[in-house]
C-alpha atoms as a PDB file:
ATOM      1  CA  MET A   1      16.664  22.036  15.448  1.00  0.00           C
ATOM      2  CA  GLN A   2      17.869  21.171  11.931  1.00  0.00           C
ATOM      3  CA  LYS A   3      16.455  17.650  12.383  1.00  0.00           C
ATOM      4  CA  TYR A   4      12.957  19.070  12.959  1.00  0.00           C
ATOM      5  CA  PHE A   5      13.326  21.435  10.009  1.00  0.00           C
ATOM      6  CA  LYS A   6      14.203  18.483   7.745  1.00  0.00           C
ATOM      7  CA  LEU A   7      11.225  16.570   9.104  1.00  0.00           C
ATOM      8  CA  PHE A   8       8.956  19.577   8.491  1.00  0.00           C
ATOM      9  CA  ILE A   9      10.232  19.945   4.905  1.00  0.00           C
ATOM     10  CA  ALA A  10       9.740  16.213   4.226  1.00  0.00           C
ATOM     11  CA  LEU A  11       6.254  16.186   5.747  1.00  0.00           C
ATOM     12  CA  SER A  12       5.247  19.364   3.889  1.00  0.00           C
ATOM     13  CA  SER A  13       6.558  18.019   0.577  1.00  0.00           C
ATOM     14  CA  GLY A  14       4.798  14.683   1.006  1.00  0.00           C
ATOM     15  CA  THR A  15       1.551  16.367   2.013  1.00  0.00           C
ATOM     16  CA  LEU A  16       1.692  18.735  -0.962  1.00  0.00           C
ATOM     17  CA  PHE A  17       2.431  15.812  -3.301  1.00  0.00           C
ATOM     18  CA  GLY A  18      -0.460  13.782  -1.862  1.00  0.00           C
ATOM     19  CA  LEU A  19      -2.857  16.718  -2.162  1.00  0.00           C
ATOM     20  CA  GLY A  20      -1.769  17.201  -5.777  1.00  0.00           C
ATOM     21  CA  LEU A  21      -2.480  13.546  -6.486  1.00  0.00           C
ATOM     22  CA  MET A  22      -5.910  13.802  -4.867  1.00  0.00           C
ATOM     23  CA  ILE A  23      -6.890  17.066  -6.592  1.00  0.00           C
ATOM     24  CA  SER A  24      -5.772  15.729  -9.988  1.00  0.00           C
ATOM     25  CA  GLN A  25      -7.696  12.474  -9.303  1.00  0.00           C
ATOM     26  CA  MET A  26      -4.561  10.377  -9.933  1.00  0.00           C
ATOM     27  CA  VAL A  27      -5.539   8.354  -6.856  1.00  0.00           C
ATOM     28  CA  ASP A  28      -8.687   7.154  -8.652  1.00  0.00           C
ATOM     29  CA  PRO A  29      -7.845   3.940 -10.536  1.00  0.00           C
ATOM     30  CA  ALA A  30     -10.868   4.369 -12.838  1.00  0.00           C
ATOM     31  CA  LYS A  31      -9.606   7.814 -13.895  1.00  0.00           C
ATOM     32  CA  VAL A  32      -6.109   6.461 -14.588  1.00  0.00           C
ATOM     33  CA  ILE A  33      -7.413   3.458 -16.522  1.00  0.00           C
ATOM     34  CA  SER A  34      -9.626   5.721 -18.646  1.00  0.00           C
ATOM     35  CA  PHE A  35      -6.502   7.768 -19.474  1.00  0.00           C
ATOM     36  CA  LEU A  36      -4.597   4.621 -20.451  1.00  0.00           C
ATOM     37  CA  ASP A  37      -7.500   3.348 -22.615  1.00  0.00           C
ATOM     38  CA  VAL A  38      -6.445   5.240 -25.765  1.00  0.00           C
ATOM     39  CA  PHE A  39      -8.500   3.012 -28.098  1.00  0.00           C
ATOM     40  CA  GLY A  40     -11.670   3.092 -26.005  1.00  0.00           C
ATOM     41  CA  ASP A  41     -13.275   5.767 -23.850  1.00  0.00           C
ATOM     42  CA  TRP A  42     -10.092   7.853 -23.565  1.00  0.00           C
ATOM     43  CA  ASP A  43      -9.934  10.683 -20.999  1.00  0.00           C
ATOM     44  CA  PRO A  44      -7.031  13.021 -21.944  1.00  0.00           C
ATOM     45  CA  SER A  45      -7.345  15.199 -18.817  1.00  0.00           C
ATOM     46  CA  MET A  46      -4.563  13.259 -17.078  1.00  0.00           C
ATOM     47  CA  ALA A  47      -2.163  14.465 -19.797  1.00  0.00           C
ATOM     48  CA  LEU A  48      -2.686  18.032 -18.552  1.00  0.00           C
ATOM     49  CA  VAL A  49      -1.751  16.930 -15.041  1.00  0.00           C
ATOM     50  CA  MET A  50       1.423  15.315 -16.376  1.00  0.00           C
ATOM     51  CA  ILE A  51       2.338  18.382 -18.453  1.00  0.00           C
ATOM     52  CA  GLY A  52       1.836  20.589 -15.385  1.00  0.00           C
ATOM     53  CA  ALA A  53       4.037  18.284 -13.301  1.00  0.00           C
ATOM     54  CA  LEU A  54       6.756  18.351 -15.958  1.00  0.00           C
ATOM     55  CA  ILE A  55       6.680  22.151 -16.052  1.00  0.00           C
ATOM     56  CA  VAL A  56       7.000  22.405 -12.261  1.00  0.00           C
ATOM     57  CA  PHE A  57       9.736  19.755 -12.095  1.00  0.00           C
ATOM     58  CA  GLY A  58      11.622  21.131 -15.100  1.00  0.00           C
ATOM     59  CA  SER A  59      11.652  24.692 -13.758  1.00  0.00           C
ATOM     60  CA  GLY A  60      12.710  23.526 -10.303  1.00  0.00           C
ATOM     61  CA  PHE A  61      15.446  21.312 -11.724  1.00  0.00           C
ATOM     62  CA  TRP A  62      16.921  24.002 -13.955  1.00  0.00           C
ATOM     63  CA  LEU A  63      16.692  26.728 -11.316  1.00  0.00           C
ATOM     64  CA  LEU A  64      17.620  24.790  -8.185  1.00  0.00           C
ATOM     65  CA  LEU A  65      19.523  21.599  -9.054  1.00  0.00           C
ATOM     66  CA  LYS A  66      21.143  21.782 -12.494  1.00  0.00           C
ATOM     67  CA  ASN A  67      24.655  22.783 -11.386  1.00  0.00           C
ATOM     68  CA  LYS A  68      24.536  21.779  -7.735  1.00  0.00           C
ATOM     69  CA  THR A  69      26.559  18.954  -6.231  1.00  0.00           C
ATOM     70  CA  HIS A  70      25.022  19.076  -2.743  1.00  0.00           C
ATOM     71  CA  SER A  71      21.505  19.594  -1.405  1.00  0.00           C
ATOM     72  CA  PHE A  72      20.371  22.384   0.906  1.00  0.00           C
ATOM     73  CA  PHE A  73      21.080  20.017   3.817  1.00  0.00           C
ATOM     74  CA  GLY A  74      24.588  19.131   2.588  1.00  0.00           C
ATOM     75  CA  LYS A  75      23.911  15.691   1.115  1.00  0.00           C
ATOM     76  CA  ALA A  76      25.488  14.805  -2.221  1.00  0.00           C
ATOM     77  CA  ILE A  77      23.168  15.005  -5.222  1.00  0.00           C
ATOM     78  CA  ASN A  78      23.732  12.072  -7.564  1.00  0.00           C
ATOM     79  CA  ILE A  79      22.083  12.647 -10.915  1.00  0.00           C
ATOM     80  CA  CYS A  80      22.427   9.761 -13.342  1.00  0.00           C
ATOM     81  CA  GLN A  81      24.411  10.881 -16.370  1.00  0.00           C
ATOM     82  CA  SER A  82      23.911   7.668 -18.352  1.00  0.00           C
ATOM     83  CA  SER A  83      21.658   7.652 -21.381  1.00  0.00           C
ATOM     84  CA  GLU A  84      22.191   3.946 -22.045  1.00  0.00           C
ATOM     85  CA  LEU A  85      18.998   1.948 -22.581  1.00  0.00           C
ATOM     86  CA  THR A  86      19.635  -1.428 -20.981  1.00  0.00           C
ATOM     87  CA  PRO A  87      17.514  -4.595 -20.910  1.00  0.00           C
ATOM     88  CA  LYS A  88      17.091  -4.031 -17.157  1.00  0.00           C
ATOM     89  CA  LEU A  89      15.545  -0.619 -17.880  1.00  0.00           C
ATOM     90  CA  TYR A  90      13.178  -2.033 -20.506  1.00  0.00           C
ATOM     91  CA  ILE A  91      12.107  -4.932 -18.261  1.00  0.00           C
ATOM     92  CA  GLY A  92      11.563  -2.687 -15.225  1.00  0.00           C
ATOM     93  CA  SER A  93       9.596  -0.164 -17.288  1.00  0.00           C
ATOM     94  CA  ALA A  94       7.440  -2.911 -18.781  1.00  0.00           C
ATOM     95  CA  ILE A  95       6.677  -4.425 -15.372  1.00  0.00           C
ATOM     96  CA  PHE A  96       5.793  -0.985 -13.963  1.00  0.00           C
ATOM     97  CA  GLY A  97       3.611  -0.136 -16.978  1.00  0.00           C
ATOM     98  CA  ILE A  98       1.790  -3.464 -16.942  1.00  0.00           C
ATOM     99  CA  GLY A  99       1.095  -3.149 -13.211  1.00  0.00           C
ATOM    100  CA  TRP A 100      -0.094   0.438 -13.635  1.00  0.00           C
ATOM    101  CA  GLY A 101      -2.323  -0.521 -16.560  1.00  0.00           C
ATOM    102  CA  ILE A 102      -3.872  -3.499 -14.778  1.00  0.00           C
ATOM    103  CA  THR A 103      -4.537  -1.799 -11.449  1.00  0.00           C
ATOM    104  CA  GLY A 104      -4.686   1.887 -12.378  1.00  0.00           C
ATOM    105  CA  ILE A 105      -2.456   2.600  -9.387  1.00  0.00           C
ATOM    106  CA  CYS A 106       1.229   3.459  -9.152  1.00  0.00           C
ATOM    107  CA  PRO A 107       3.271   3.711  -5.917  1.00  0.00           C
ATOM    108  CA  GLY A 108       2.699   7.418  -5.128  1.00  0.00           C
ATOM    109  CA  PRO A 109      -1.089   7.330  -5.418  1.00  0.00           C
ATOM    110  CA  ALA A 110      -1.157   3.989  -3.579  1.00  0.00           C
ATOM    111  CA  ILE A 111       0.515   5.565  -0.555  1.00  0.00           C
ATOM    112  CA  ALA A 112      -1.789   8.606  -0.839  1.00  0.00           C
ATOM    113  CA  ASN A 113      -4.780   6.195  -0.873  1.00  0.00           C
ATOM    114  CA  VAL A 114      -3.829   4.376   2.371  1.00  0.00           C
ATOM    115  CA  SER A 115      -6.318   6.435   4.372  1.00  0.00           C
ATOM    116  CA  SER A 116      -9.171   5.345   2.073  1.00  0.00           C
ATOM    117  CA  GLY A 117      -9.460   2.031   3.899  1.00  0.00           C
ATOM    118  CA  ASP A 118      -9.847   0.167   0.599  1.00  0.00           C
ATOM    119  CA  ILE A 119      -8.463  -3.364   0.997  1.00  0.00           C
ATOM    120  CA  LYS A 120      -7.278  -3.330  -2.646  1.00  0.00           C
ATOM    121  CA  ILE A 121      -4.836  -0.526  -1.797  1.00  0.00           C
ATOM    122  CA  TYR A 122      -3.359  -2.537   1.072  1.00  0.00           C
ATOM    123  CA  VAL A 123      -3.018  -5.597  -1.154  1.00  0.00           C
ATOM    124  CA  PHE A 124      -1.360  -3.445  -3.834  1.00  0.00           C
ATOM    125  CA  ILE A 125       1.144  -2.016  -1.329  1.00  0.00           C
ATOM    126  CA  LEU A 126       1.883  -5.484   0.066  1.00  0.00           C
ATOM    127  CA  VAL A 127       2.506  -6.868  -3.438  1.00  0.00           C
ATOM    128  CA  MET A 128       4.601  -3.795  -4.284  1.00  0.00           C
ATOM    129  CA  ILE A 129       6.808  -4.389  -1.209  1.00  0.00           C
ATOM    130  CA  LEU A 130       7.068  -8.101  -2.035  1.00  0.00           C
ATOM    131  CA  GLY A 131       8.114  -7.154  -5.576  1.00  0.00           C
ATOM    132  CA  MET A 132      10.827  -4.816  -4.287  1.00  0.00           C
ATOM    133  CA  LYS A 133      12.124  -7.457  -1.873  1.00  0.00           C
ATOM    134  CA  THR A 134      12.073 -10.100  -4.625  1.00  0.00           C
ATOM    135  CA  SER A 135      13.998  -7.730  -6.881  1.00  0.00           C
ATOM    136  CA  GLU A 136      16.646  -7.212  -4.174  1.00  0.00           C
ATOM    137  CA  TRP A 137      16.901 -10.982  -3.686  1.00  0.00           C
ATOM    138  CA  VAL A 138      17.284 -11.610  -7.435  1.00  0.00           C
ATOM    139  CA  LYS A 139      19.961  -8.869  -7.756  1.00  0.00           C
ATOM    140  CA  LYS A 140      22.027 -10.553  -5.025  1.00  0.00           C
ATOM    141  CA  ARG A 141      21.775 -13.925  -6.775  1.00  0.00           C
ATOM    142  CA  VAL A 142      22.520 -12.757 -10.341  1.00  0.00           C
END
């Protein structure tokens, strides 16, 4: 029974997240690109979505996770305590930001857009998976 409850929680959370992305129009690459175009036709409405998300996450973190060591289902919660800014962090952030700026899509909205049938979304997801696999391969070699 607990297995089905976990599945229900995961499905509900993912559905709620996807609906939030759709309602906020974060699944629309044109909307995202217009937010990132700060020197052109800038659309600041996406900033309100991000502020709202930070408020929800921040409240949930402080109320539900701050001093916990295990999740509701008994799994260990590992929160990174490091504040070190490494070259790996800078490089990863730059690659993510460049990809987001070029395509106007990041991983969450890409998955939420799968049902759109747009071939560009499938290409994006394929390239994203190839990038993750390449990263794993490089980590093993370095």
